[in-house]
Amino acid sequence: MSEVKKEIVKGYKGFDKDLKCNGFQYEIGKTFKHEGKIELCSRGFHFCENPLDVWNYYPPNNSIMAEVESGNNIEKQKDRDSKCVTDEITIKAKIDIKSFIILDVKGLFEFAKKKTTGYSAHSATTGDSAHSATTGENTIACALGKHSKAKSTRGNWIVLSEYDDNYNLLCVKSVKVDGKKIKAYTWYELKKGKFVEVK
């Protein structure tokens, strides 16, 4: 499902190495306009409000990321991720992978702050074999490093990164601990882009 709004939204967009998306050539610092109707996954210029969601469409190991701003006409996806489509988009600035990861983590922390209950706690670590764990409500456990792992309690979030043997970043992903697919009080790591229990 989606909803159409009249507002200007800042967000993030992924491209291939030539700064193209679906064959369309973009350029940093320029504004592009779409003539006609906009429709999610079909017509118009697409981007995500949450930087983490961009990697669902453009993985970090072979993509370019940029900060963007929409035009006044925008349609938002409601039931999957923060993907949006607009009839006008400005490519504001290119963002390197390190800065993009920081944006991802900050975005999740801000999301948790908005829903705080008064005893939220967040944990973020980096480096080889980094591990992070949280308890309480509305918390985030974030571990960004090779062979990193994280765990938390039900209803909270964990964030992990995955690298290849040459320390090239492959992906960064977040997931909510639902107690079913992702278990509480259980260490997880990323393998081939999937959350896997650490035995």
N, C-alpha and C. Protein backbone atom coordinates (compact mmCIF):
# COMPACT_ATOMS: atom_id res chain seq x y z
N MET A 1 0.83 -1.19 0.00
CA MET A 1 0.00 0.00 0.00
C MET A 1 0.88 1.25 0.00
N SER A 2 0.31 2.39 -0.43
CA SER A 2 1.03 3.65 -0.46
C SER A 2 0.08 4.79 -0.19
N GLU A 3 0.64 5.96 0.07
CA GLU A 3 -0.17 7.14 0.28
C GLU A 3 0.46 8.32 -0.44
N VAL A 4 -0.37 9.18 -1.05
CA VAL A 4 0.10 10.33 -1.79
C VAL A 4 0.04 11.55 -0.89
N LYS A 5 1.13 12.34 -0.87
CA LYS A 5 1.19 13.53 -0.02
C LYS A 5 1.73 14.71 -0.82
N LYS A 6 1.45 15.90 -0.29
CA LYS A 6 2.00 17.13 -0.82
C LYS A 6 3.02 17.65 0.19
N GLU A 7 4.27 17.31 0.00
CA GLU A 7 5.32 17.76 0.91
C GLU A 7 6.68 17.55 0.26
N ILE A 8 7.65 18.29 0.75
CA ILE A 8 9.04 18.12 0.29
C ILE A 8 9.76 17.27 1.33
N VAL A 9 10.41 16.21 0.86
CA VAL A 9 11.03 15.24 1.76
C VAL A 9 12.52 15.08 1.43
N LYS A 10 13.35 15.03 2.46
CA LYS A 10 14.77 14.72 2.27
C LYS A 10 14.97 13.22 2.44
N GLY A 11 15.87 12.66 1.65
CA GLY A 11 16.08 11.22 1.73
C GLY A 11 17.39 10.80 1.11
N TYR A 12 17.46 9.53 0.70
CA TYR A 12 18.70 8.95 0.21
C TYR A 12 18.40 8.05 -0.98
N LYS A 13 19.36 8.02 -1.93
CA LYS A 13 19.14 7.26 -3.16
C LYS A 13 20.42 6.52 -3.54
N GLY A 14 20.26 5.33 -4.10
CA GLY A 14 21.38 4.55 -4.57
C GLY A 14 21.48 4.57 -6.10
N PHE A 15 22.70 4.41 -6.60
CA PHE A 15 22.97 4.41 -8.04
C PHE A 15 24.02 3.34 -8.33
N ASP A 16 24.19 3.05 -9.63
CA ASP A 16 25.31 2.18 -9.98
C ASP A 16 26.59 3.02 -10.03
N LYS A 17 27.71 2.43 -10.43
CA LYS A 17 29.00 3.11 -10.40
C LYS A 17 29.05 4.31 -11.35
N ASP A 18 28.15 4.37 -12.33
CA ASP A 18 28.11 5.48 -13.28
C ASP A 18 27.09 6.53 -12.91
N LEU A 19 26.56 6.45 -11.69
CA LEU A 19 25.53 7.34 -11.20
C LEU A 19 24.24 7.22 -12.02
N LYS A 20 23.93 5.98 -12.40
CA LYS A 20 22.69 5.70 -13.10
C LYS A 20 21.78 4.85 -12.22
N CYS A 21 20.47 4.99 -12.42
CA CYS A 21 19.48 4.16 -11.75
C CYS A 21 18.45 3.74 -12.79
N ASN A 22 18.33 2.43 -13.00
CA ASN A 22 17.44 1.90 -14.03
C ASN A 22 17.71 2.54 -15.39
N GLY A 23 18.99 2.76 -15.68
CA GLY A 23 19.39 3.29 -16.98
C GLY A 23 19.33 4.80 -17.11
N PHE A 24 18.75 5.49 -16.13
CA PHE A 24 18.63 6.95 -16.19
C PHE A 24 19.89 7.59 -15.61
N GLN A 25 20.47 8.54 -16.33
CA GLN A 25 21.70 9.19 -15.89
C GLN A 25 21.40 10.39 -14.98
N TYR A 26 21.97 10.35 -13.77
CA TYR A 26 21.83 11.44 -12.82
C TYR A 26 23.14 12.21 -12.72
N GLU A 27 23.09 13.35 -12.02
CA GLU A 27 24.28 14.16 -11.82
C GLU A 27 24.18 14.89 -10.49
N ILE A 28 25.26 14.87 -9.73
CA ILE A 28 25.28 15.54 -8.43
C ILE A 28 25.05 17.04 -8.61
N GLY A 29 24.16 17.60 -7.80
CA GLY A 29 23.89 19.02 -7.83
C GLY A 29 22.80 19.45 -8.79
N LYS A 30 22.21 18.50 -9.50
CA LYS A 30 21.17 18.84 -10.47
C LYS A 30 19.79 18.37 -10.03
N THR A 31 18.76 19.03 -10.59
CA THR A 31 17.37 18.68 -10.33
C THR A 31 16.76 18.06 -11.58
N PHE A 32 16.01 16.99 -11.41
CA PHE A 32 15.39 16.28 -12.53
C PHE A 32 13.89 16.23 -12.33
N LYS A 33 13.14 16.36 -13.43
CA LYS A 33 11.68 16.39 -13.36
C LYS A 33 11.08 15.29 -14.23
N HIS A 34 10.01 14.70 -13.70
CA HIS A 34 9.27 13.65 -14.41
C HIS A 34 7.94 14.21 -14.87
N GLU A 35 7.64 14.04 -16.14
CA GLU A 35 6.36 14.50 -16.68
C GLU A 35 5.33 13.39 -16.59
N GLY A 36 4.16 13.71 -16.09
CA GLY A 36 3.10 12.72 -16.01
C GLY A 36 2.92 12.16 -14.61
N LYS A 37 2.12 11.10 -14.52
CA LYS A 37 1.75 10.48 -13.26
C LYS A 37 2.95 9.77 -12.63
N ILE A 38 2.99 9.79 -11.29
CA ILE A 38 4.01 9.02 -10.57
C ILE A 38 3.37 7.79 -9.95
N GLU A 39 4.14 6.72 -9.85
CA GLU A 39 3.64 5.47 -9.27
C GLU A 39 4.81 4.68 -8.71
N LEU A 40 4.68 4.21 -7.48
CA LEU A 40 5.75 3.44 -6.85
C LEU A 40 6.16 2.24 -7.70
N CYS A 41 7.47 2.05 -7.83
CA CYS A 41 8.06 0.92 -8.55
C CYS A 41 7.75 0.95 -10.04
N SER A 42 7.25 2.08 -10.54
CA SER A 42 6.87 2.13 -11.94
C SER A 42 7.27 3.43 -12.63
N ARG A 43 6.74 4.57 -12.16
CA ARG A 43 6.97 5.84 -12.82
C ARG A 43 7.36 6.92 -11.82
N GLY A 44 8.42 7.65 -12.15
CA GLY A 44 8.90 8.73 -11.30
C GLY A 44 10.28 8.44 -10.74
N PHE A 45 10.75 9.31 -9.86
CA PHE A 45 12.06 9.19 -9.25
C PHE A 45 11.93 8.60 -7.84
N HIS A 46 12.64 7.51 -7.59
CA HIS A 46 12.51 6.79 -6.34
C HIS A 46 13.69 7.06 -5.40
N PHE A 47 13.41 7.02 -4.10
CA PHE A 47 14.43 7.17 -3.07
C PHE A 47 13.85 6.62 -1.76
N CYS A 48 14.66 6.63 -0.69
CA CYS A 48 14.21 6.14 0.61
C CYS A 48 14.43 7.21 1.67
N GLU A 49 13.52 7.31 2.62
CA GLU A 49 13.70 8.23 3.75
C GLU A 49 14.70 7.67 4.76
N ASN A 50 14.68 6.36 4.97
CA ASN A 50 15.60 5.69 5.88
C ASN A 50 16.81 5.22 5.08
N PRO A 51 18.03 5.69 5.40
CA PRO A 51 19.20 5.29 4.62
C PRO A 51 19.43 3.78 4.56
N LEU A 52 19.10 3.06 5.63
CA LEU A 52 19.28 1.61 5.63
C LEU A 52 18.48 0.93 4.52
N ASP A 53 17.32 1.47 4.20
CA ASP A 53 16.46 0.85 3.19
C ASP A 53 17.05 0.92 1.79
N VAL A 54 17.94 1.89 1.55
CA VAL A 54 18.55 2.02 0.22
C VAL A 54 19.27 0.74 -0.17
N TRP A 55 19.89 0.09 0.82
CA TRP A 55 20.67 -1.11 0.53
C TRP A 55 19.80 -2.32 0.17
N ASN A 56 18.49 -2.19 0.30
CA ASN A 56 17.60 -3.23 -0.22
C ASN A 56 17.59 -3.24 -1.75
N TYR A 57 18.00 -2.11 -2.33
CA TYR A 57 17.96 -1.95 -3.78
C TYR A 57 19.34 -1.80 -4.40
N TYR A 58 20.28 -1.21 -3.65
CA TYR A 58 21.64 -1.01 -4.13
C TYR A 58 22.62 -1.40 -3.03
N PRO A 59 23.24 -2.59 -3.11
CA PRO A 59 24.18 -3.04 -2.09
C PRO A 59 25.41 -2.14 -2.04
N PRO A 60 26.03 -1.98 -0.86
CA PRO A 60 27.11 -1.01 -0.69
C PRO A 60 28.41 -1.34 -1.41
N ASN A 61 28.63 -2.60 -1.75
CA ASN A 61 29.92 -2.98 -2.31
C ASN A 61 30.13 -2.51 -3.75
N ASN A 62 29.06 -2.15 -4.46
CA ASN A 62 29.24 -1.72 -5.85
C ASN A 62 28.27 -0.60 -6.22
N SER A 63 27.97 0.29 -5.26
CA SER A 63 26.98 1.33 -5.51
C SER A 63 27.49 2.70 -5.05
N ILE A 64 26.81 3.74 -5.52
CA ILE A 64 27.03 5.10 -5.07
C ILE A 64 25.78 5.55 -4.32
N MET A 65 25.97 6.21 -3.19
CA MET A 65 24.85 6.71 -2.40
C MET A 65 24.87 8.23 -2.40
N ALA A 66 23.69 8.83 -2.35
CA ALA A 66 23.61 10.29 -2.33
C ALA A 66 22.42 10.77 -1.50
N GLU A 67 22.57 11.96 -0.95
CA GLU A 67 21.47 12.63 -0.27
C GLU A 67 20.62 13.33 -1.32
N VAL A 68 19.30 13.23 -1.22
CA VAL A 68 18.41 13.82 -2.21
C VAL A 68 17.28 14.59 -1.54
N GLU A 69 16.59 15.37 -2.36
CA GLU A 69 15.41 16.09 -1.88
C GLU A 69 14.32 15.98 -2.92
N SER A 70 13.11 15.70 -2.48
CA SER A 70 12.00 15.48 -3.40
C SER A 70 11.35 16.79 -3.81
N GLY A 71 10.49 16.69 -4.81
CA GLY A 71 9.62 17.79 -5.16
C GLY A 71 8.42 17.79 -4.25
N ASN A 72 7.40 18.57 -4.58
CA ASN A 72 6.23 18.72 -3.71
C ASN A 72 5.28 17.52 -3.78
N ASN A 73 5.26 16.83 -4.93
CA ASN A 73 4.39 15.67 -5.10
C ASN A 73 5.15 14.40 -4.76
N ILE A 74 4.63 13.65 -3.80
CA ILE A 74 5.34 12.45 -3.35
C ILE A 74 4.37 11.36 -2.96
N GLU A 75 4.74 10.12 -3.27
CA GLU A 75 3.95 8.96 -2.86
C GLU A 75 4.85 8.07 -2.01
N LYS A 76 4.34 7.69 -0.83
CA LYS A 76 5.13 6.92 0.12
C LYS A 76 4.61 5.49 0.26
N GLN A 77 5.53 4.56 0.33
CA GLN A 77 5.18 3.18 0.62
C GLN A 77 4.89 3.06 2.12
N LYS A 78 3.86 2.33 2.49
CA LYS A 78 3.45 2.28 3.89
C LYS A 78 3.76 0.97 4.60
N ASP A 79 3.74 -0.15 3.89
CA ASP A 79 3.75 -1.44 4.58
C ASP A 79 5.03 -2.25 4.39
N ARG A 80 6.07 -1.70 3.75
CA ARG A 80 7.30 -2.48 3.55
C ARG A 80 8.52 -1.74 4.09
N ASP A 81 8.93 -0.67 3.41
CA ASP A 81 10.04 0.12 3.89
C ASP A 81 9.75 1.59 3.62
N SER A 82 10.78 2.45 3.64
CA SER A 82 10.55 3.88 3.51
C SER A 82 10.70 4.38 2.08
N LYS A 83 10.53 3.50 1.10
CA LYS A 83 10.65 3.87 -0.30
C LYS A 83 9.59 4.90 -0.68
N CYS A 84 10.00 5.90 -1.47
CA CYS A 84 9.10 6.94 -1.94
C CYS A 84 9.32 7.17 -3.43
N VAL A 85 8.35 7.80 -4.07
CA VAL A 85 8.49 8.22 -5.46
C VAL A 85 8.01 9.66 -5.57
N THR A 86 8.68 10.45 -6.41
CA THR A 86 8.35 11.85 -6.59
C THR A 86 8.47 12.23 -8.05
N ASP A 87 7.87 13.37 -8.41
CA ASP A 87 7.96 13.83 -9.80
C ASP A 87 9.13 14.79 -10.01
N GLU A 88 9.84 15.12 -8.94
CA GLU A 88 11.00 16.00 -9.04
C GLU A 88 12.01 15.63 -7.98
N ILE A 89 13.28 15.50 -8.35
CA ILE A 89 14.29 15.11 -7.37
C ILE A 89 15.57 15.90 -7.60
N THR A 90 16.17 16.34 -6.50
CA THR A 90 17.45 17.04 -6.54
C THR A 90 18.51 16.16 -5.90
N ILE A 91 19.58 15.90 -6.63
CA ILE A 91 20.68 15.08 -6.11
C ILE A 91 21.62 16.02 -5.38
N LYS A 92 21.55 16.04 -4.06
CA LYS A 92 22.23 17.06 -3.25
C LYS A 92 23.74 16.81 -3.12
N ALA A 93 24.12 15.63 -2.62
CA ALA A 93 25.53 15.37 -2.36
C ALA A 93 25.80 13.87 -2.30
N LYS A 94 26.95 13.48 -2.79
CA LYS A 94 27.39 12.09 -2.72
C LYS A 94 27.83 11.77 -1.30
N ILE A 95 27.55 10.56 -0.83
CA ILE A 95 27.89 10.14 0.52
C ILE A 95 28.76 8.89 0.45
N ASP A 96 29.95 8.94 1.10
CA ASP A 96 30.80 7.75 1.08
C ASP A 96 30.24 6.69 2.03
N ILE A 97 30.72 5.47 1.89
CA ILE A 97 30.16 4.34 2.64
C ILE A 97 30.27 4.54 4.15
N LYS A 98 31.41 5.01 4.62
CA LYS A 98 31.60 5.21 6.06
C LYS A 98 30.57 6.20 6.60
N SER A 99 30.39 7.31 5.90
CA SER A 99 29.42 8.32 6.34
C SER A 99 28.00 7.77 6.27
N PHE A 100 27.76 6.91 5.26
CA PHE A 100 26.43 6.35 5.10
C PHE A 100 26.09 5.42 6.26
N ILE A 101 27.05 4.64 6.72
CA ILE A 101 26.83 3.76 7.86
C ILE A 101 26.50 4.58 9.11
N ILE A 102 27.23 5.68 9.30
CA ILE A 102 26.96 6.55 10.45
C ILE A 102 25.54 7.09 10.38
N LEU A 103 25.11 7.48 9.18
CA LEU A 103 23.73 7.95 9.00
C LEU A 103 22.73 6.86 9.36
N ASP A 104 23.03 5.62 8.94
CA ASP A 104 22.14 4.50 9.25
C ASP A 104 21.94 4.35 10.75
N VAL A 105 23.05 4.35 11.48
CA VAL A 105 22.99 4.15 12.93
C VAL A 105 22.30 5.33 13.60
N LYS A 106 22.64 6.56 13.20
CA LYS A 106 22.01 7.74 13.78
C LYS A 106 20.51 7.73 13.54
N GLY A 107 20.12 7.28 12.33
CA GLY A 107 18.70 7.23 12.01
C GLY A 107 17.95 6.27 12.91
N LEU A 108 18.53 5.15 13.19
CA LEU A 108 17.90 4.18 14.07
C LEU A 108 17.83 4.70 15.50
N PHE A 109 18.89 5.37 15.96
CA PHE A 109 18.89 5.93 17.30
C PHE A 109 17.81 7.01 17.44
N GLU A 110 17.67 7.85 16.42
CA GLU A 110 16.65 8.90 16.46
C GLU A 110 15.26 8.29 16.47
N PHE A 111 15.09 7.20 15.71
CA PHE A 111 13.80 6.50 15.69
C PHE A 111 13.46 5.99 17.08
N ALA A 112 14.46 5.44 17.78
CA ALA A 112 14.23 4.92 19.12
C ALA A 112 13.93 6.04 20.10
N LYS A 113 14.59 7.18 19.95
CA LYS A 113 14.35 8.32 20.85
C LYS A 113 12.91 8.79 20.77
N LYS A 114 12.36 8.80 19.56
CA LYS A 114 10.99 9.26 19.36
C LYS A 114 10.00 8.36 20.07
N LYS A 115 10.37 7.09 20.29
CA LYS A 115 9.47 6.14 20.90
C LYS A 115 9.92 5.75 22.31
N THR A 116 10.76 6.57 22.92
CA THR A 116 11.35 6.22 24.20
C THR A 116 10.31 6.09 25.31
N THR A 117 10.57 5.21 26.27
CA THR A 117 9.68 5.03 27.42
C THR A 117 10.32 5.53 28.70
N GLY A 118 11.51 6.05 28.59
CA GLY A 118 12.17 6.59 29.78
C GLY A 118 13.33 5.74 30.24
N TYR A 119 13.43 4.51 29.75
CA TYR A 119 14.59 3.73 30.14
C TYR A 119 15.18 2.98 28.94
N SER A 120 15.20 3.68 27.83
CA SER A 120 15.84 3.14 26.64
C SER A 120 17.36 3.24 26.77
N ALA A 121 18.05 2.30 26.16
CA ALA A 121 19.51 2.33 26.14
C ALA A 121 19.98 1.82 24.79
N HIS A 122 21.05 2.43 24.26
CA HIS A 122 21.58 2.02 22.97
C HIS A 122 23.04 1.63 23.13
N SER A 123 23.48 0.68 22.32
CA SER A 123 24.86 0.23 22.38
C SER A 123 25.41 0.13 20.97
N ALA A 124 26.58 0.73 20.73
CA ALA A 124 27.20 0.67 19.40
C ALA A 124 28.68 0.37 19.56
N THR A 125 29.20 -0.62 18.82
CA THR A 125 30.60 -0.97 18.87
C THR A 125 31.12 -1.19 17.45
N THR A 126 32.44 -1.04 17.28
CA THR A 126 33.08 -1.29 15.99
C THR A 126 34.34 -2.10 16.19
N GLY A 127 34.93 -2.59 15.09
CA GLY A 127 36.16 -3.36 15.18
C GLY A 127 35.92 -4.84 14.97
N ASP A 128 36.99 -5.58 14.73
CA ASP A 128 36.89 -7.01 14.51
C ASP A 128 36.27 -7.70 15.72
N SER A 129 35.36 -8.65 15.43
CA SER A 129 34.70 -9.45 16.46
C SER A 129 33.99 -8.58 17.50
N ALA A 130 33.54 -7.40 17.09
CA ALA A 130 32.79 -6.53 18.00
C ALA A 130 31.46 -7.17 18.35
N HIS A 131 30.99 -6.94 19.58
CA HIS A 131 29.70 -7.47 19.97
C HIS A 131 28.95 -6.44 20.81
N SER A 132 27.63 -6.46 20.68
CA SER A 132 26.80 -5.46 21.35
C SER A 132 25.53 -6.13 21.83
N ALA A 133 25.08 -5.76 23.05
CA ALA A 133 23.86 -6.34 23.62
C ALA A 133 23.13 -5.26 24.41
N THR A 134 21.79 -5.30 24.32
CA THR A 134 20.97 -4.36 25.09
C THR A 134 19.78 -5.08 25.70
N THR A 135 19.21 -4.47 26.75
CA THR A 135 17.97 -4.95 27.35
C THR A 135 17.05 -3.74 27.57
N GLY A 136 15.88 -3.96 28.14
CA GLY A 136 14.95 -2.87 28.34
C GLY A 136 14.02 -2.72 27.15
N GLU A 137 13.44 -1.53 26.98
CA GLU A 137 12.52 -1.29 25.88
C GLU A 137 13.07 -0.22 24.95
N ASN A 138 12.69 -0.32 23.66
CA ASN A 138 13.07 0.66 22.64
C ASN A 138 14.58 0.86 22.58
N THR A 139 15.32 -0.25 22.52
CA THR A 139 16.78 -0.18 22.48
C THR A 139 17.31 -0.68 21.15
N ILE A 140 18.58 -0.33 20.88
CA ILE A 140 19.26 -0.77 19.66
C ILE A 140 20.63 -1.30 20.05
N ALA A 141 20.95 -2.50 19.59
CA ALA A 141 22.29 -3.07 19.75
C ALA A 141 22.95 -3.07 18.38
N CYS A 142 24.02 -2.30 18.24
CA CYS A 142 24.67 -2.11 16.93
C CYS A 142 26.12 -2.56 17.00
N ALA A 143 26.52 -3.50 16.14
CA ALA A 143 27.90 -3.98 16.09
C ALA A 143 28.38 -3.91 14.64
N LEU A 144 29.33 -3.01 14.37
CA LEU A 144 29.81 -2.79 13.00
C LEU A 144 31.28 -3.17 12.92
N GLY A 145 31.56 -4.34 12.42
CA GLY A 145 32.92 -4.81 12.28
C GLY A 145 32.92 -6.22 11.71
N LYS A 146 34.08 -6.69 11.28
CA LYS A 146 34.20 -8.04 10.73
C LYS A 146 33.93 -9.06 11.83
N HIS A 147 33.06 -10.03 11.54
CA HIS A 147 32.65 -11.07 12.49
C HIS A 147 31.95 -10.47 13.72
N SER A 148 31.24 -9.37 13.55
CA SER A 148 30.54 -8.74 14.67
C SER A 148 29.26 -9.50 14.99
N LYS A 149 28.76 -9.33 16.20
CA LYS A 149 27.53 -10.00 16.61
C LYS A 149 26.75 -9.10 17.56
N ALA A 150 25.44 -9.32 17.63
CA ALA A 150 24.59 -8.50 18.50
C ALA A 150 23.41 -9.33 18.98
N LYS A 151 22.84 -8.90 20.11
CA LYS A 151 21.63 -9.54 20.62
C LYS A 151 20.84 -8.51 21.43
N SER A 152 19.56 -8.76 21.60
CA SER A 152 18.73 -7.89 22.42
C SER A 152 17.48 -8.65 22.84
N THR A 153 16.58 -7.94 23.49
CA THR A 153 15.33 -8.54 23.96
C THR A 153 14.21 -8.26 22.97
N ARG A 154 13.11 -8.95 23.14
CA ARG A 154 11.98 -8.85 22.21
C ARG A 154 11.45 -7.42 22.10
N GLY A 155 11.20 -7.01 20.85
CA GLY A 155 10.68 -5.68 20.58
C GLY A 155 11.75 -4.66 20.27
N ASN A 156 13.01 -5.02 20.47
CA ASN A 156 14.13 -4.12 20.21
C ASN A 156 14.78 -4.42 18.85
N TRP A 157 15.82 -3.67 18.52
CA TRP A 157 16.47 -3.79 17.20
C TRP A 157 17.93 -4.16 17.35
N ILE A 158 18.45 -4.90 16.37
CA ILE A 158 19.89 -5.15 16.26
C ILE A 158 20.35 -4.72 14.87
N VAL A 159 21.59 -4.21 14.81
CA VAL A 159 22.19 -3.75 13.56
C VAL A 159 23.55 -4.43 13.41
N LEU A 160 23.81 -5.02 12.25
CA LEU A 160 25.06 -5.74 12.02
C LEU A 160 25.63 -5.41 10.64
N SER A 161 26.94 -5.60 10.50
CA SER A 161 27.60 -5.42 9.21
C SER A 161 28.28 -6.72 8.80
N GLU A 162 28.56 -6.83 7.51
CA GLU A 162 29.25 -8.01 6.97
C GLU A 162 30.35 -7.57 6.02
N TYR A 163 31.54 -8.18 6.16
CA TYR A 163 32.69 -7.87 5.31
C TYR A 163 33.19 -9.14 4.63
N ASP A 164 33.88 -8.97 3.50
CA ASP A 164 34.52 -10.13 2.88
C ASP A 164 35.91 -10.31 3.48
N ASP A 165 36.68 -11.27 2.97
CA ASP A 165 37.99 -11.58 3.54
C ASP A 165 39.00 -10.46 3.35
N ASN A 166 38.72 -9.55 2.41
CA ASN A 166 39.61 -8.41 2.16
C ASN A 166 39.14 -7.14 2.84
N TYR A 167 38.21 -7.30 3.78
CA TYR A 167 37.66 -6.19 4.55
C TYR A 167 36.87 -5.19 3.70
N ASN A 168 36.30 -5.66 2.60
CA ASN A 168 35.38 -4.84 1.84
C ASN A 168 33.99 -4.99 2.44
N LEU A 169 33.34 -3.88 2.70
CA LEU A 169 32.00 -3.91 3.28
C LEU A 169 31.00 -4.47 2.28
N LEU A 170 30.26 -5.47 2.70
CA LEU A 170 29.26 -6.09 1.83
C LEU A 170 27.86 -5.57 2.12
N CYS A 171 27.51 -5.44 3.38
CA CYS A 171 26.18 -4.94 3.71
C CYS A 171 26.09 -4.55 5.18
N VAL A 172 25.11 -3.70 5.48
CA VAL A 172 24.73 -3.35 6.84
C VAL A 172 23.23 -3.49 6.91
N LYS A 173 22.74 -4.24 7.90
CA LYS A 173 21.30 -4.48 7.99
C LYS A 173 20.81 -4.35 9.42
N SER A 174 19.54 -4.01 9.54
CA SER A 174 18.89 -3.95 10.85
C SER A 174 17.68 -4.87 10.85
N VAL A 175 17.30 -5.35 12.02
CA VAL A 175 16.15 -6.23 12.13
C VAL A 175 15.55 -6.08 13.53
N LYS A 176 14.26 -6.24 13.62
CA LYS A 176 13.59 -6.17 14.92
C LYS A 176 13.54 -7.56 15.55
N VAL A 177 13.82 -7.64 16.83
CA VAL A 177 13.75 -8.91 17.55
C VAL A 177 12.28 -9.20 17.83
N ASP A 178 11.69 -10.10 17.05
CA ASP A 178 10.26 -10.39 17.19
C ASP A 178 9.97 -11.59 18.09
N GLY A 179 11.03 -12.30 18.51
CA GLY A 179 10.84 -13.46 19.37
C GLY A 179 10.53 -14.74 18.61
N LYS A 180 10.36 -14.63 17.29
CA LYS A 180 10.05 -15.79 16.46
C LYS A 180 11.15 -16.00 15.41
N LYS A 181 11.13 -15.14 14.39
CA LYS A 181 12.17 -15.25 13.36
C LYS A 181 13.52 -14.85 13.93
N ILE A 182 13.53 -13.78 14.70
CA ILE A 182 14.74 -13.33 15.41
C ILE A 182 14.48 -13.48 16.90
N LYS A 183 15.22 -14.37 17.55
CA LYS A 183 14.96 -14.71 18.94
C LYS A 183 15.58 -13.71 19.91
N ALA A 184 14.96 -13.58 21.07
CA ALA A 184 15.49 -12.74 22.13
C ALA A 184 16.65 -13.45 22.84
N TYR A 185 17.54 -12.66 23.45
CA TYR A 185 18.68 -13.19 24.21
C TYR A 185 19.55 -14.14 23.39
N THR A 186 19.61 -13.93 22.08
CA THR A 186 20.36 -14.81 21.17
C THR A 186 21.30 -13.99 20.31
N TRP A 187 22.58 -14.41 20.26
CA TRP A 187 23.57 -13.71 19.44
C TRP A 187 23.31 -13.99 17.96
N TYR A 188 23.41 -12.93 17.14
CA TYR A 188 23.28 -13.06 15.69
C TYR A 188 24.45 -12.39 14.99
N GLU A 189 24.78 -12.92 13.81
CA GLU A 189 25.75 -12.30 12.92
C GLU A 189 25.20 -12.32 11.50
N LEU A 190 25.80 -11.55 10.62
CA LEU A 190 25.37 -11.53 9.22
C LEU A 190 26.24 -12.46 8.39
N LYS A 191 25.58 -13.37 7.65
CA LYS A 191 26.28 -14.26 6.72
C LYS A 191 25.51 -14.29 5.41
N LYS A 192 26.17 -13.88 4.35
CA LYS A 192 25.55 -13.80 3.04
C LYS A 192 24.28 -12.95 3.07
N GLY A 193 24.36 -11.87 3.87
CA GLY A 193 23.26 -10.92 3.95
C GLY A 193 22.10 -11.35 4.81
N LYS A 194 22.24 -12.46 5.54
CA LYS A 194 21.14 -12.95 6.37
C LYS A 194 21.56 -13.01 7.85
N PHE A 195 20.58 -12.80 8.72
CA PHE A 195 20.84 -12.90 10.16
C PHE A 195 20.89 -14.37 10.56
N VAL A 196 22.02 -14.78 11.12
CA VAL A 196 22.25 -16.18 11.46
C VAL A 196 22.63 -16.27 12.94
N GLU A 197 22.05 -17.23 13.64
CA GLU A 197 22.39 -17.44 15.05
C GLU A 197 23.84 -17.84 15.20
N VAL A 198 24.48 -17.31 16.23
CA VAL A 198 25.86 -17.67 16.53
C VAL A 198 25.84 -18.84 17.50
N LYS A 199 26.36 -19.95 17.08
CA LYS A 199 26.35 -21.16 17.91
C LYS A 199 27.48 -21.13 18.92
